Amino acid sequence: MKKQLLLFLCLAMTALMAKAQIPVTDEIQLVADNVEIPIGQQYRMYVKQYSQKIYDYLSQNPRIAIDFEAADPTIVEAAQYFKGLKEGTTTVKLVVYSAINSYGDPDWSNKLDETSFTVTVKDKVAAAIPTINTSWGMSREEMTNIIVNNYGYERYTDTYFDMNPVAAADPSSSMFEMYYTGLFEFPVVYNVFNDEDQMIAYQFVISNYERAWNITNMEDAPIVKILTANGYTLYGQDEAGRPALYNPTTYTLVTFDNFILQGLYYLFCTFEYEPENQLDPQGIATADLKARSVEINSRGTMIDIEADGHEGETVEIYSLDGKTLGKTTIKNGKAQVNLSDKTTVIVKVGKNCPMKMNM
């Protein structure tokens, strides 16, 4: 199931391509027009709905890029993110460009559209995370009723797939339902269902990495604090330093991953049903929070893996459509897999977070 989740995310983040169907408005719709952010933390602004101009562009071109411009750069620093520098209020412009590559770098000569929002910078701003539901096995209809009627979120699946047709074309897309929260920092929630229509994962988008990923002291990250206060144990971190938690009562594993959405880098939080998860030293780094390194490189069709601390663990290589392309074992901290063709693959070492690699 982890593989299916990752493959779907990889397709969703690849590019926002072609054929949008029913644009709601001729103007860009943002998740919020007025936001408050704390000093020193980077944010992204989620676009709830593209304008007609952007849809027209995407019908013929593979991807967009987003950049931000601050009216007062002494209050807000702006690039492909915006960050509060000191207390105050200013206007920030969100500008959509065509993209020159899959990493969201803008073509500055081709501006597609723009809109503005107001940012107020404060010393501290509390995080209001989405309502978390780990009712594993609940049906799609039951979960939708709860999320729409009890949480007040908007069913967003059709609009999301209109804006992300690459993800919509993937066979695993039928596993997902998306909901729009209206929360600036956590705009979209995903439910994941198995073939029996039972919920097996619950996910949400995070626009500010530091809400979950405090590099100096992981226990101080707001999301980690909220989860540990509600029965989750912080076991350590993955190879990239992102936290990993587990709740033995609800059999819930919590992990985080980076991905590109709307041409910007977001963090993604996954609550996943893992009844047999042991979180031992062979999987996630132990409680001293010292990450074990994994480095992956390619030479032609050869993939080289250096993985100190992963001795004896399995390395698996998948295509984006879920096919197994190769498998081997870490020996003396290293492994190699030779593929038949150069392509984009998913590399998974042991129980660590899979990684996408463009060869």
Protein backbone atom coordinates (compact mmCIF):
# COMPACT_ATOMS: atom_id res chain seq x y z
CA MET A 1 0.00 0.00 0.00
CA LYS A 2 2.87 2.38 0.73
CA LYS A 3 4.10 1.82 -2.81
CA GLN A 4 0.70 2.74 -4.25
CA LEU A 5 0.52 5.92 -2.17
CA LEU A 6 3.97 7.01 -3.27
CA LEU A 7 3.35 6.22 -6.92
CA PHE A 8 0.17 8.28 -6.86
CA LEU A 9 1.97 11.22 -5.26
CA CYS A 10 4.80 11.00 -7.76
CA LEU A 11 2.30 11.20 -10.60
CA ALA A 12 0.42 14.04 -8.93
CA MET A 13 3.58 16.07 -8.47
CA THR A 14 5.11 15.37 -11.88
CA ALA A 15 3.33 18.23 -13.67
CA LEU A 16 -0.07 19.79 -13.92
CA MET A 17 -0.82 18.75 -17.47
CA ALA A 18 -3.37 19.29 -20.22
CA LYS A 19 -7.15 19.33 -20.42
CA ALA A 20 -8.72 20.98 -17.47
CA GLN A 21 -12.44 20.45 -17.80
CA ILE A 22 -14.63 22.90 -15.91
CA PRO A 23 -12.90 26.04 -14.56
CA VAL A 24 -15.03 27.60 -11.85
CA THR A 25 -14.06 31.21 -12.45
CA ASP A 26 -12.06 33.49 -14.73
CA GLU A 27 -9.91 34.50 -11.74
CA ILE A 28 -7.47 32.61 -9.55
CA GLN A 29 -9.07 31.41 -6.30
CA LEU A 30 -6.72 31.13 -3.31
CA VAL A 31 -7.22 29.16 -0.12
CA ALA A 32 -7.14 32.49 1.76
CA ASP A 33 -7.00 36.19 0.91
CA ASN A 34 -5.72 37.28 4.35
CA VAL A 35 -3.23 35.18 6.33
CA GLU A 36 -1.15 35.41 9.49
CA ILE A 37 2.32 33.85 9.66
CA PRO A 38 5.04 33.71 12.34
CA ILE A 39 8.41 35.40 11.91
CA GLY A 40 11.12 33.33 10.26
CA GLN A 41 9.10 30.50 8.67
CA GLN A 42 8.58 29.83 4.96
CA TYR A 43 5.11 29.35 3.46
CA ARG A 44 3.42 28.50 0.18
CA MET A 45 -0.06 29.62 -0.91
CA TYR A 46 -2.32 26.91 -2.29
CA VAL A 47 -4.47 27.75 -5.31
CA LYS A 48 -7.93 26.27 -4.84
CA GLN A 49 -8.90 26.83 -8.48
CA TYR A 50 -6.99 28.02 -11.53
CA SER A 51 -8.19 30.84 -13.75
CA GLN A 52 -9.34 30.29 -17.31
CA LYS A 53 -6.00 31.66 -18.58
CA ILE A 54 -4.07 28.98 -16.68
CA TYR A 55 -6.40 26.20 -17.79
CA ASP A 56 -6.01 27.36 -21.40
CA TYR A 57 -2.23 27.26 -21.05
CA LEU A 58 -2.24 23.79 -19.44
CA SER A 59 -4.36 22.41 -22.25
CA GLN A 60 -1.29 22.77 -24.49
CA ASN A 61 1.67 22.79 -22.06
CA PRO A 62 2.93 20.42 -19.38
CA ARG A 63 3.38 22.52 -16.23
CA ILE A 64 3.23 25.83 -14.40
CA ALA A 65 5.46 27.63 -11.90
CA ILE A 66 4.52 30.00 -9.09
CA ASP A 67 6.52 32.89 -7.67
CA PHE A 68 5.74 35.44 -4.95
CA GLU A 69 6.46 39.19 -4.80
CA ALA A 70 6.16 41.25 -1.61
CA ALA A 71 5.08 44.90 -1.69
CA ASP A 72 7.25 45.55 1.39
CA PRO A 73 10.34 43.30 1.32
CA THR A 74 11.37 44.48 4.80
CA ILE A 75 8.30 42.69 6.24
CA VAL A 76 8.08 39.65 3.96
CA GLU A 77 10.82 37.92 1.98
CA ALA A 78 9.42 36.45 -1.23
CA ALA A 79 10.67 34.01 -3.87
CA GLN A 80 9.00 30.64 -4.55
CA TYR A 81 7.87 30.96 -0.96
CA PHE A 82 7.13 33.85 1.38
CA LYS A 83 8.63 34.33 4.85
CA GLY A 84 7.93 36.84 7.61
CA LEU A 85 10.95 38.98 8.55
CA LYS A 86 9.41 41.30 11.14
CA GLU A 87 5.99 42.11 12.54
CA GLY A 88 3.75 44.05 10.18
CA THR A 89 1.30 43.74 7.29
CA THR A 90 1.95 43.86 3.57
CA THR A 91 0.52 42.68 0.27
CA VAL A 92 2.05 39.66 -1.47
CA LYS A 93 1.47 38.92 -5.13
CA LEU A 94 1.18 35.31 -6.38
CA VAL A 95 2.37 35.18 -9.99
CA VAL A 96 1.89 32.17 -12.25
CA TYR A 97 4.43 31.52 -15.02
CA SER A 98 5.05 28.73 -17.44
CA ALA A 99 7.70 26.34 -16.11
CA ILE A 100 10.96 25.45 -17.81
CA ASN A 101 11.38 22.10 -16.03
CA SER A 102 9.68 19.61 -13.70
CA TYR A 103 11.15 21.34 -10.62
CA GLY A 104 8.91 24.38 -11.02
CA ASP A 105 11.50 26.89 -12.22
CA PRO A 106 9.67 29.81 -13.90
CA ASP A 107 10.02 31.05 -17.44
CA TRP A 108 10.21 34.72 -16.45
CA SER A 109 9.33 35.81 -19.98
CA ASN A 110 5.93 34.08 -19.91
CA LYS A 111 3.65 35.32 -17.15
CA LEU A 112 0.25 33.60 -17.23
CA ASP A 113 -1.75 35.30 -14.48
CA GLU A 114 -1.49 36.82 -11.02
CA THR A 115 -3.44 37.67 -7.90
CA SER A 116 -2.69 39.20 -4.49
CA PHE A 117 -3.30 38.46 -0.82
CA THR A 118 -2.54 40.14 2.49
CA VAL A 119 0.07 38.80 4.92
CA THR A 120 0.28 39.83 8.56
CA VAL A 121 3.49 38.78 10.29
CA LYS A 122 3.37 38.13 14.03
CA ASP A 123 5.88 36.91 16.57
CA LYS A 124 4.00 33.61 16.93
CA VAL A 125 0.98 32.03 15.21
CA ALA A 126 -0.65 28.83 16.46
CA ALA A 127 -1.09 25.89 14.11
CA ALA A 128 -4.64 24.59 13.58
CA ILE A 129 -4.17 21.20 11.94
CA PRO A 130 -6.99 19.38 10.12
CA THR A 131 -9.21 16.99 12.04
CA ILE A 132 -7.51 13.58 12.00
CA ASN A 133 -9.54 10.43 11.45
CA THR A 134 -8.03 6.97 11.88
CA SER A 135 -11.26 4.97 11.68
CA TRP A 136 -9.55 2.26 9.64
CA GLY A 137 -11.92 0.11 7.60
CA MET A 138 -14.70 2.71 7.36
CA SER A 139 -16.33 2.89 3.94
CA ARG A 140 -15.90 5.73 1.45
CA GLU A 141 -19.53 6.83 1.82
CA GLU A 142 -19.32 6.84 5.63
CA MET A 143 -16.08 8.81 5.63
CA THR A 144 -17.38 11.36 3.12
CA ASN A 145 -20.47 11.95 5.24
CA ILE A 146 -18.33 12.50 8.34
CA ILE A 147 -15.80 14.78 6.64
CA VAL A 148 -18.39 16.91 4.83
CA ASN A 149 -21.13 17.04 7.46
CA ASN A 150 -19.13 16.89 10.71
CA TYR A 151 -15.81 18.51 9.78
CA GLY A 152 -17.27 21.00 7.32
CA TYR A 153 -14.76 20.22 4.56
CA GLU A 154 -15.70 20.39 0.88
CA ARG A 155 -15.50 17.31 -1.36
CA TYR A 156 -12.78 18.28 -3.81
CA THR A 157 -11.96 15.13 -5.77
CA ASP A 158 -13.29 16.23 -9.16
CA THR A 159 -11.70 19.68 -9.02
CA TYR A 160 -8.40 18.23 -7.78
CA PHE A 161 -8.23 15.79 -10.68
CA ASP A 162 -9.20 18.53 -13.17
CA MET A 163 -6.16 20.43 -11.89
CA ASN A 164 -3.97 17.29 -11.78
CA PRO A 165 -4.92 15.18 -14.82
CA VAL A 166 -1.69 13.15 -14.70
CA ALA A 167 -2.75 11.83 -11.31
CA ALA A 168 -6.31 11.34 -12.56
CA ALA A 169 -5.06 9.08 -15.37
CA ASP A 170 -3.28 6.74 -12.97
CA PRO A 171 -5.23 3.52 -12.20
CA SER A 172 -4.64 4.00 -8.46
CA SER A 173 -6.54 7.31 -8.53
CA SER A 174 -9.74 5.42 -7.76
CA MET A 175 -8.32 4.75 -4.29
CA PHE A 176 -8.46 8.44 -3.38
CA GLU A 177 -11.00 11.02 -2.24
CA MET A 178 -9.87 14.63 -1.73
CA TYR A 179 -11.40 17.26 0.53
CA TYR A 180 -10.75 20.99 0.63
CA THR A 181 -10.38 22.18 4.23
CA GLY A 182 -10.22 25.96 3.74
CA LEU A 183 -7.20 25.97 6.09
CA PHE A 184 -4.35 28.12 4.75
CA GLU A 185 -1.60 25.94 6.24
CA PHE A 186 -3.29 22.56 5.56
CA PRO A 187 -5.51 23.09 2.51
CA VAL A 188 -6.22 19.55 1.25
CA VAL A 189 -7.02 16.23 2.96
CA TYR A 190 -6.81 12.88 1.15
CA ASN A 191 -8.56 9.63 2.08
CA VAL A 192 -7.20 6.36 0.67
CA PHE A 193 -9.31 3.21 0.25
CA ASN A 194 -8.48 -0.40 -0.65
CA ASP A 195 -10.30 -2.61 -3.16
CA GLU A 196 -12.89 -3.47 -0.49
CA ASP A 197 -13.69 0.25 -0.10
CA GLN A 198 -12.14 0.34 3.39
CA MET A 199 -10.14 3.38 4.50
CA ILE A 200 -6.45 2.52 4.91
CA ALA A 201 -4.77 5.96 4.97
CA TYR A 202 -5.50 9.60 5.77
CA GLN A 203 -3.24 12.37 4.45
CA PHE A 204 -2.93 16.14 4.38
CA VAL A 205 -0.85 18.85 2.68
CA ILE A 206 1.38 21.13 4.81
CA SER A 207 2.41 24.56 3.46
CA ASN A 208 5.05 25.22 6.17
CA TYR A 209 7.66 22.50 6.76
CA GLU A 210 8.50 23.75 10.26
CA ARG A 211 5.05 22.82 11.55
CA ALA A 212 6.20 19.20 11.36
CA TRP A 213 9.94 19.27 10.87
CA ASN A 214 11.97 21.12 13.50
CA ILE A 215 15.58 20.38 12.57
CA THR A 216 16.99 21.74 15.85
CA ASN A 217 14.64 19.83 18.16
CA MET A 218 12.18 17.49 16.49
CA GLU A 219 10.00 17.14 19.59
CA ASP A 220 9.21 20.88 19.43
CA ALA A 221 7.54 20.79 16.00
CA PRO A 222 3.85 21.71 16.55
CA ILE A 223 2.41 18.68 14.71
CA VAL A 224 4.74 16.33 16.57
CA LYS A 225 3.67 17.93 19.88
CA ILE A 226 -0.01 17.51 19.02
CA LEU A 227 0.43 13.88 18.02
CA THR A 228 2.57 12.87 21.02
CA ALA A 229 -0.05 14.43 23.29
CA ASN A 230 -2.64 12.16 21.65
CA GLY A 231 -1.10 8.72 21.97
CA TYR A 232 1.60 8.75 19.28
CA THR A 233 5.23 7.90 20.05
CA LEU A 234 8.05 9.70 18.26
CA TYR A 235 10.38 6.85 17.27
CA GLY A 236 12.87 8.80 15.23
CA GLN A 237 13.35 10.02 11.71
CA ASP A 238 13.73 8.78 8.17
CA GLU A 239 16.87 9.13 6.05
CA ALA A 240 15.98 12.74 5.19
CA GLY A 241 15.52 13.71 8.84
CA ARG A 242 11.71 13.82 8.76
CA PRO A 243 9.90 12.57 11.91
CA ALA A 244 8.19 9.19 12.17
CA LEU A 245 5.56 8.35 14.79
CA TYR A 246 3.42 5.34 15.70
CA ASN A 247 0.21 4.80 17.69
CA PRO A 248 -0.01 1.15 18.86
CA THR A 249 -3.64 1.55 19.96
CA THR A 250 -4.96 2.49 16.51
CA TYR A 251 -2.12 0.76 14.58
CA THR A 252 -1.28 4.06 12.89
CA LEU A 253 2.08 4.93 11.36
CA VAL A 254 2.71 8.64 10.66
CA THR A 255 5.32 9.70 8.11
CA PHE A 256 6.17 12.84 6.13
CA ASP A 257 7.38 13.33 2.57
CA ASN A 258 8.27 16.22 0.25
CA PHE A 259 6.48 16.65 -3.06
CA ILE A 260 5.81 19.25 -5.74
CA LEU A 261 2.27 20.57 -6.04
CA GLN A 262 1.33 23.50 -8.30
CA GLY A 263 5.04 24.01 -9.01
CA LEU A 264 5.91 24.51 -5.31
CA TYR A 265 7.51 22.25 -2.70
CA TYR A 266 5.08 21.11 0.00
CA LEU A 267 5.27 18.63 2.86
CA PHE A 268 2.83 15.74 2.94
CA CYS A 269 1.69 13.95 6.13
CA THR A 270 0.41 10.37 5.93
CA PHE A 271 -1.48 8.45 8.63
CA GLU A 272 -1.37 4.84 7.54
CA TYR A 273 -2.86 1.60 8.87
CA GLU A 274 0.12 -0.59 9.88
CA PRO A 275 -1.02 -3.39 12.24
CA GLU A 276 2.30 -5.24 12.04
CA ASN A 277 4.60 -2.23 12.27
CA GLN A 278 7.34 -2.78 14.84
CA LEU A 279 9.47 0.34 14.18
CA ASP A 280 12.59 -1.53 15.18
CA PRO A 281 16.17 -0.41 14.37
CA GLN A 282 15.97 -2.22 11.04
CA GLY A 283 13.27 0.19 9.91
CA ILE A 284 13.07 3.73 11.22
CA ALA A 285 16.05 5.27 13.00
CA THR A 286 15.93 4.58 16.75
CA ALA A 287 14.96 7.05 19.43
CA ASP A 288 18.31 8.82 19.61
CA LEU A 289 17.03 10.55 16.43
CA LYS A 290 20.30 9.97 14.62
CA ALA A 291 19.50 9.44 10.96
CA ARG A 292 21.16 6.72 8.94
CA SER A 293 22.33 8.00 5.59
CA VAL A 294 21.10 6.79 2.20
CA GLU A 295 22.66 8.12 -0.99
CA ILE A 296 21.41 7.11 -4.44
CA ASN A 297 23.10 7.94 -7.76
CA SER A 298 22.83 6.70 -11.32
CA ARG A 299 25.36 6.02 -14.10
CA GLY A 300 23.53 5.32 -17.33
CA THR A 301 21.21 2.45 -16.46
CA MET A 302 23.12 1.56 -13.27
CA ILE A 303 21.75 2.68 -9.88
CA ASP A 304 24.31 2.92 -7.06
CA ILE A 305 23.11 2.91 -3.45
CA GLU A 306 25.27 3.76 -0.45
CA ALA A 307 23.37 3.05 2.77
CA ASP A 308 25.40 3.11 5.97
CA GLY A 309 23.50 1.46 8.80
CA HIS A 310 21.20 -0.52 6.48
CA GLU A 311 23.25 -3.73 6.25
CA GLY A 312 21.20 -6.68 4.98
CA GLU A 313 18.15 -4.61 4.09
CA THR A 314 16.34 -5.06 0.79
CA VAL A 315 16.57 -2.50 -2.02
CA GLU A 316 13.56 -2.45 -4.35
CA ILE A 317 13.23 -0.52 -7.62
CA TYR A 318 9.77 0.23 -9.05
CA SER A 319 8.50 1.93 -12.18
CA LEU A 320 5.93 4.70 -11.83
CA ASP A 321 3.16 2.26 -12.76
CA GLY A 322 4.13 -0.03 -9.87
CA LYS A 323 6.12 -2.74 -11.70
CA THR A 324 9.14 -4.22 -9.94
CA LEU A 325 12.24 -3.45 -12.01
CA GLY A 326 14.91 -4.81 -9.71
CA LYS A 327 15.71 -6.02 -6.22
CA THR A 328 18.91 -6.57 -4.27
CA THR A 329 20.39 -6.46 -0.75
CA ILE A 330 22.69 -3.98 0.98
CA LYS A 331 26.12 -5.57 1.50
CA ASN A 332 29.00 -3.72 3.14
CA GLY A 333 26.89 -0.58 3.04
CA LYS A 334 26.42 -0.64 -0.75
CA ALA A 335 24.22 -2.06 -3.50
CA GLN A 336 23.86 -1.81 -7.28
CA VAL A 337 20.95 -2.46 -9.62
CA ASN A 338 21.36 -2.42 -13.40
CA LEU A 339 18.17 -1.66 -15.33
CA SER A 340 17.41 -2.29 -18.99
CA ASP A 341 16.56 1.36 -19.75
CA LYS A 342 17.04 4.85 -18.35
CA THR A 343 13.75 5.95 -16.82
CA THR A 344 12.16 7.54 -13.78
CA VAL A 345 12.02 5.06 -10.90
CA ILE A 346 11.08 4.71 -7.24
CA VAL A 347 13.89 3.43 -5.00
CA LYS A 348 13.04 1.93 -1.60
CA VAL A 349 15.67 0.89 0.94
CA GLY A 350 14.32 -1.32 3.74
CA LYS A 351 11.41 0.35 5.55
CA ASN A 352 12.61 3.87 4.79
CA CYS A 353 10.59 6.37 2.79
CA PRO A 354 10.80 5.58 -0.95
CA MET A 355 12.58 8.11 -3.15
CA LYS A 356 11.87 9.13 -6.72
CA MET A 357 14.87 9.23 -9.07
CA ASN A 358 15.20 10.59 -12.61
CA MET A 359 17.96 8.62 -14.33
